[in-house]
N, C-alpha and C. Protein backbone atom coordinates (compact mmCIF):
# COMPACT_ATOMS: atom_id res chain seq x y z
N MET A 1 72.74 257.46 -26.97
CA MET A 1 72.06 256.95 -26.47
C MET A 1 70.74 257.08 -27.52
N ARG A 2 70.26 258.32 -28.06
CA ARG A 2 68.92 258.74 -28.79
C ARG A 2 68.79 257.50 -30.03
N LEU A 3 70.15 257.40 -30.58
CA LEU A 3 70.33 256.38 -31.54
C LEU A 3 69.35 254.97 -31.04
N MET A 4 70.07 254.72 -29.73
CA MET A 4 69.68 252.96 -29.43
C MET A 4 68.41 253.17 -29.00
N THR A 5 67.88 254.32 -28.68
CA THR A 5 65.87 254.22 -28.18
C THR A 5 65.21 254.35 -29.22
N LEU A 6 65.71 254.74 -30.72
CA LEU A 6 65.10 254.95 -31.96
C LEU A 6 65.33 253.50 -32.27
N THR A 7 66.44 252.83 -32.31
CA THR A 7 66.67 251.44 -32.62
C THR A 7 65.53 250.60 -32.05
N LEU A 8 65.62 249.97 -30.93
CA LEU A 8 64.99 249.43 -29.91
C LEU A 8 63.26 249.83 -30.08
N SER A 9 62.96 251.33 -29.99
CA SER A 9 61.44 251.40 -30.59
C SER A 9 61.08 250.98 -32.33
N VAL A 10 62.09 250.91 -33.42
CA VAL A 10 61.59 250.27 -34.42
C VAL A 10 61.36 248.41 -33.85
N PHE A 11 61.88 247.87 -33.00
CA PHE A 11 61.97 246.43 -32.91
C PHE A 11 60.59 246.09 -32.77
N ALA A 12 60.40 247.02 -31.59
CA ALA A 12 60.00 246.67 -30.32
C ALA A 12 58.20 247.07 -30.81
N MET A 13 58.37 247.63 -32.11
CA MET A 13 56.95 248.01 -33.18
C MET A 13 56.45 247.26 -34.66
N LEU A 14 57.46 245.93 -34.49
CA LEU A 14 57.44 244.91 -35.64
C LEU A 14 56.33 243.83 -35.13
N PRO A 15 55.66 243.00 -35.56
CA PRO A 15 54.81 242.46 -35.39
C PRO A 15 55.23 241.05 -35.00
N ALA A 16 54.31 240.22 -34.08
CA ALA A 16 54.68 239.09 -33.98
C ALA A 16 55.08 238.04 -34.93
N LEU A 17 56.50 237.29 -35.10
CA LEU A 17 56.53 236.65 -36.41
C LEU A 17 56.70 235.07 -36.40
N SER A 18 56.77 234.10 -37.14
CA SER A 18 56.83 232.45 -37.05
C SER A 18 57.59 232.48 -37.69
N LEU A 19 58.47 230.91 -37.16
CA LEU A 19 59.54 230.38 -37.25
C LEU A 19 59.42 229.63 -38.19
N ASN A 20 60.07 228.98 -38.87
CA ASN A 20 59.92 227.82 -40.06
C ASN A 20 58.79 227.73 -40.90
N ALA A 21 59.07 229.00 -41.47
CA ALA A 21 57.76 229.30 -42.78
C ALA A 21 58.14 228.15 -43.91
N ALA A 22 57.54 227.71 -44.78
CA ALA A 22 57.96 227.25 -46.52
C ALA A 22 59.39 227.13 -46.88
N HIS A 23 60.00 226.49 -47.10
CA HIS A 23 61.07 226.63 -47.72
C HIS A 23 61.36 225.98 -49.03
N GLY A 24 61.56 227.02 -50.02
CA GLY A 24 62.13 226.50 -51.74
C GLY A 24 61.04 226.90 -52.06
N ASP A 25 60.30 227.83 -51.22
CA ASP A 25 59.05 228.27 -52.48
C ASP A 25 59.63 229.77 -53.22
N ALA A 26 59.25 229.97 -54.78
CA ALA A 26 60.34 230.90 -55.31
C ALA A 26 60.00 231.95 -55.03
N GLU A 27 58.50 232.60 -54.18
CA GLU A 27 58.22 233.73 -53.44
C GLU A 27 59.04 233.82 -52.27
N THR A 28 59.29 232.88 -51.44
CA THR A 28 59.78 232.86 -49.86
C THR A 28 61.52 233.09 -50.33
N LEU A 29 62.05 233.76 -49.31
CA LEU A 29 63.44 233.95 -48.84
C LEU A 29 63.89 233.51 -47.41
N CYS A 30 64.70 232.36 -46.58
CA CYS A 30 65.11 232.31 -45.60
C CYS A 30 65.90 232.67 -45.69
N VAL A 31 66.77 232.46 -44.04
CA VAL A 31 67.88 232.42 -42.90
C VAL A 31 67.75 231.25 -42.27
N ARG A 32 68.60 230.50 -42.20
CA ARG A 32 68.75 229.76 -41.13
C ARG A 32 69.66 229.87 -39.89
N ASN A 33 69.54 229.65 -38.86
CA ASN A 33 70.71 229.25 -37.67
C ASN A 33 71.02 228.21 -37.44
N ASP A 34 72.61 228.29 -38.06
CA ASP A 34 72.95 226.74 -38.47
C ASP A 34 74.44 227.26 -37.30
N SER A 35 74.35 228.04 -36.56
CA SER A 35 75.84 228.53 -35.76
C SER A 35 74.91 227.43 -34.11
N GLY A 36 75.76 227.63 -32.89
CA GLY A 36 75.13 227.16 -31.77
C GLY A 36 74.30 227.73 -30.68
N ARG A 37 74.48 228.69 -31.19
CA ARG A 37 73.02 229.68 -30.19
C ARG A 37 72.36 230.81 -30.74
N SER A 38 70.94 231.08 -29.83
CA SER A 38 70.57 231.89 -30.42
C SER A 38 71.19 233.78 -31.02
N TYR A 39 70.63 234.52 -32.09
CA TYR A 39 70.91 235.70 -32.96
C TYR A 39 69.63 235.90 -33.26
N LEU A 40 69.60 237.71 -33.10
CA LEU A 40 68.61 238.56 -33.89
C LEU A 40 68.75 238.11 -35.60
N PHE A 41 67.67 237.84 -36.33
CA PHE A 41 67.78 238.41 -37.63
C PHE A 41 67.04 239.09 -37.93
N ALA A 42 67.35 239.20 -39.21
CA ALA A 42 66.26 239.99 -39.89
C ALA A 42 66.45 239.31 -41.12
N VAL A 43 64.77 239.34 -42.14
CA VAL A 43 65.00 238.77 -43.23
C VAL A 43 64.40 240.24 -44.23
N ASP A 44 64.87 240.94 -45.55
CA ASP A 44 63.67 241.47 -46.17
C ASP A 44 64.09 241.28 -47.51
N ALA A 45 62.74 241.45 -47.83
CA ALA A 45 63.00 240.78 -49.69
C ALA A 45 61.65 242.26 -49.97
N PRO A 46 62.47 242.07 -51.45
CA PRO A 46 61.15 243.52 -51.88
C PRO A 46 59.21 242.16 -52.26
N ASP A 47 58.68 243.43 -51.92
CA ASP A 47 56.76 242.97 -51.68
C ASP A 47 56.50 242.29 -50.80
N ALA A 48 57.74 242.27 -49.83
CA ALA A 48 57.17 241.37 -48.87
C ALA A 48 57.52 242.30 -47.39
N GLU A 49 57.02 241.68 -45.88
CA GLU A 49 57.15 242.23 -44.41
C GLU A 49 58.84 242.29 -44.18
N ARG A 50 58.91 243.15 -43.67
CA ARG A 50 60.42 242.75 -43.02
C ARG A 50 59.97 241.63 -42.03
N LEU A 51 60.97 241.02 -41.49
CA LEU A 51 60.60 239.83 -40.20
C LEU A 51 62.15 240.31 -39.38
N VAL A 52 62.00 240.68 -38.27
CA VAL A 52 63.38 240.62 -37.13
C VAL A 52 62.22 239.88 -36.04
N GLN A 53 63.48 239.04 -35.44
CA GLN A 53 63.08 238.03 -34.59
C GLN A 53 64.51 237.53 -33.89
N ASP A 54 64.36 237.04 -32.52
CA ASP A 54 65.39 236.09 -32.25
C ASP A 54 65.14 234.70 -32.61
N VAL A 55 66.59 233.78 -33.19
CA VAL A 55 66.18 233.01 -33.78
C VAL A 55 67.16 231.84 -33.35
N PRO A 56 66.57 230.63 -32.36
CA PRO A 56 67.65 229.86 -32.03
C PRO A 56 67.89 229.04 -33.10
N ALA A 57 69.07 228.17 -32.10
CA ALA A 57 70.33 227.46 -33.23
C ALA A 57 69.29 226.86 -33.65
N GLY A 58 69.61 226.45 -34.61
CA GLY A 58 68.56 225.03 -35.41
C GLY A 58 67.56 225.82 -36.52
N GLU A 59 66.82 226.92 -35.94
CA GLU A 59 65.62 227.70 -36.78
C GLU A 59 65.80 228.59 -37.95
N SER A 60 64.72 228.36 -38.65
CA SER A 60 65.00 229.39 -39.63
C SER A 60 63.79 230.56 -39.46
N LEU A 61 63.91 231.91 -40.05
CA LEU A 61 63.16 232.96 -40.43
C LEU A 61 62.85 232.90 -41.93
N CYS A 62 61.70 233.10 -42.51
CA CYS A 62 61.33 233.27 -44.15
C CYS A 62 60.45 234.68 -44.18
N VAL A 63 60.35 235.04 -45.25
CA VAL A 63 59.23 235.76 -45.29
C VAL A 63 58.56 235.14 -46.73
N ASN A 64 57.52 235.56 -47.08
CA ASN A 64 56.75 235.12 -48.02
C ASN A 64 56.40 236.06 -48.54
N GLY A 65 55.49 235.72 -49.82
CA GLY A 65 55.26 236.78 -51.15
C GLY A 65 56.16 237.56 -51.90
N ALA A 66 57.35 237.45 -51.67
CA ALA A 66 58.74 238.09 -52.28
C ALA A 66 58.73 238.21 -53.45
N THR A 67 59.27 238.84 -54.75
CA THR A 67 59.36 239.24 -55.97
C THR A 67 60.07 237.95 -56.26
N ALA A 68 59.36 236.28 -56.97
CA ALA A 68 60.49 236.04 -57.40
C ALA A 68 61.09 236.46 -58.11
N GLY A 69 62.69 235.51 -58.33
CA GLY A 69 63.64 236.15 -58.78
C GLY A 69 64.47 237.74 -58.45
N ALA A 70 63.91 238.29 -57.16
CA ALA A 70 64.21 239.51 -56.94
C ALA A 70 65.77 239.18 -55.89
N THR A 71 66.36 239.88 -55.36
CA THR A 71 67.70 239.63 -54.46
C THR A 71 66.89 240.06 -53.09
N GLY A 72 66.77 239.75 -52.32
CA GLY A 72 66.90 239.97 -50.74
C GLY A 72 67.71 240.38 -50.30
N VAL A 73 67.68 240.38 -48.78
CA VAL A 73 69.12 240.56 -47.87
C VAL A 73 68.41 240.03 -46.51
N VAL A 74 69.41 239.12 -46.05
CA VAL A 74 69.26 238.75 -44.35
C VAL A 74 70.48 239.15 -43.64
N SER A 75 70.50 239.22 -42.51
CA SER A 75 71.08 239.93 -41.74
C SER A 75 70.77 238.80 -40.20
N VAL A 76 72.32 239.39 -39.56
CA VAL A 76 72.39 238.87 -38.29
C VAL A 76 73.06 239.71 -37.41
N PHE A 77 72.24 239.83 -35.67
CA PHE A 77 72.75 240.78 -34.91
C PHE A 77 73.15 239.85 -33.82
N GLU A 78 74.11 239.75 -32.96
CA GLU A 78 74.36 239.58 -31.68
C GLU A 78 72.91 239.69 -30.62
N ASN A 79 72.61 240.70 -30.48
CA ASN A 79 71.51 240.93 -29.79
C ASN A 79 70.82 242.09 -30.34
N ILE A 80 69.98 242.54 -29.29
CA ILE A 80 68.93 243.81 -30.26
C ILE A 80 70.02 245.04 -29.56
N ASP A 81 70.28 245.43 -28.77
CA ASP A 81 71.33 246.04 -28.10
C ASP A 81 72.71 246.28 -28.83
N VAL A 82 72.59 245.70 -29.98
CA VAL A 82 73.99 245.65 -30.98
C VAL A 82 73.83 246.21 -31.98
N LEU A 83 74.43 247.27 -32.97
CA LEU A 83 74.23 247.96 -34.00
C LEU A 83 74.86 247.20 -35.41
N GLU A 84 76.17 246.99 -35.18
CA GLU A 84 76.81 246.28 -36.02
C GLU A 84 76.63 244.73 -35.96
N GLY A 85 76.41 244.49 -37.25
CA GLY A 85 75.91 242.76 -37.31
C GLY A 85 76.46 242.56 -38.62
N CYS A 86 75.83 241.09 -39.47
CA CYS A 86 76.72 240.60 -40.89
C CYS A 86 75.57 240.40 -41.59
N SER A 87 75.49 241.02 -42.86
CA SER A 87 74.42 240.63 -43.51
C SER A 87 74.98 240.18 -44.65
N ARG A 88 73.64 239.50 -45.64
CA ARG A 88 74.02 238.90 -46.86
C ARG A 88 73.19 238.93 -48.00
N LEU A 89 74.03 239.26 -49.31
CA LEU A 89 72.65 239.32 -50.75
C LEU A 89 72.31 237.86 -50.62
N VAL A 90 70.40 237.48 -50.91
CA VAL A 90 70.14 236.44 -51.15
C VAL A 90 69.09 236.31 -52.53
N PRO A 91 69.41 235.78 -53.30
CA PRO A 91 68.28 235.71 -54.39
C PRO A 91 67.01 235.05 -53.36
N VAL A 92 65.62 235.79 -53.83
CA VAL A 92 64.47 235.21 -53.48
C VAL A 92 64.45 233.78 -54.30
N GLY A 93 63.56 232.89 -53.24
CA GLY A 93 63.84 231.07 -53.23
C GLY A 93 64.90 230.50 -52.70
N GLN A 94 65.39 230.97 -52.00
CA GLN A 94 66.65 230.21 -51.64
C GLN A 94 66.61 230.41 -50.04
N THR A 95 67.54 229.76 -49.26
CA THR A 95 67.48 229.69 -48.04
C THR A 95 69.04 229.71 -47.59
N GLU A 96 70.08 231.09 -47.20
CA GLU A 96 71.15 231.18 -46.24
C GLU A 96 71.22 230.68 -44.92
N ALA A 97 72.32 230.11 -44.68
CA ALA A 97 72.63 229.63 -43.54
C ALA A 97 73.79 230.23 -42.86
N MET A 98 73.47 230.84 -41.58
CA MET A 98 74.88 231.59 -40.79
C MET A 98 75.05 230.06 -40.14
N ILE A 99 77.05 230.52 -40.19
CA ILE A 99 77.50 229.03 -39.27
C ILE A 99 77.93 230.00 -38.20
N GLN A 100 78.44 231.06 -38.36
CA GLN A 100 79.27 231.57 -37.09
C GLN A 100 79.28 232.56 -37.40
N TYR A 101 79.10 233.21 -36.18
CA TYR A 101 78.57 235.16 -35.88
C TYR A 101 80.02 235.64 -35.57
N VAL A 102 80.47 236.73 -36.15
CA VAL A 102 81.93 237.45 -36.06
C VAL A 102 81.10 238.71 -36.27
N ASP A 103 81.72 239.39 -35.38
CA ASP A 103 81.05 241.15 -35.53
C ASP A 103 81.67 241.70 -36.94
N PHE A 104 81.22 242.57 -36.98
CA PHE A 104 81.74 243.58 -38.18
C PHE A 104 81.90 243.18 -39.13
N ASP A 105 80.23 242.41 -39.64
CA ASP A 105 80.32 241.72 -41.11
C ASP A 105 81.03 240.84 -41.23
N ARG A 106 81.76 240.00 -40.62
CA ARG A 106 82.46 239.34 -40.77
C ARG A 106 82.06 237.66 -40.75
N CYS A 107 80.57 237.72 -40.41
CA CYS A 107 80.55 236.38 -39.96
C CYS A 107 80.41 235.45 -41.68
N PHE A 108 80.66 233.86 -40.93
CA PHE A 108 80.29 232.68 -41.52
C PHE A 108 79.09 232.23 -42.24
N TRP A 109 78.86 231.99 -43.86
CA TRP A 109 77.14 232.05 -43.79
C TRP A 109 77.83 230.62 -44.81
N GLU A 110 77.07 230.11 -45.11
CA GLU A 110 76.81 228.71 -46.09
C GLU A 110 77.58 228.94 -47.59
N SER A 111 76.37 229.99 -47.90
CA SER A 111 77.58 230.36 -49.32
C SER A 111 79.30 230.59 -49.59
N ASN A 112 79.23 231.07 -48.84
CA ASN A 112 80.86 231.45 -48.68
C ASN A 112 81.51 230.34 -48.03
N SER A 113 81.74 229.87 -47.53
CA SER A 113 82.24 229.40 -46.43
C SER A 113 82.55 227.79 -47.09
N ASN A 114 82.53 227.36 -48.13
CA ASN A 114 82.79 226.00 -48.87
C ASN A 114 84.06 225.84 -49.14
């Protein structure tokens, strides 16, 4: 129970975030929700603030100011109460799309579902 309280406290302290930031910039890393419902997403890249937010279907979450050419991490969780989710390494400057959420890091991502 203490771990859950700590996790929720961390999410509660994060600043308000914006959806649909500029895509395709060499210093931007984005994740797009191509599933049919909202999920909790996180985007983390070197030299950029980590963003965590509920992202509705069809929307994106992006970090700006990341180190061009570096590798970041995009993650998705069913909701804020779930500790297990899915993560993917993504080069800064790209957008990764989550197609289908499946528990325990078995999600379908655009880059591995072709």
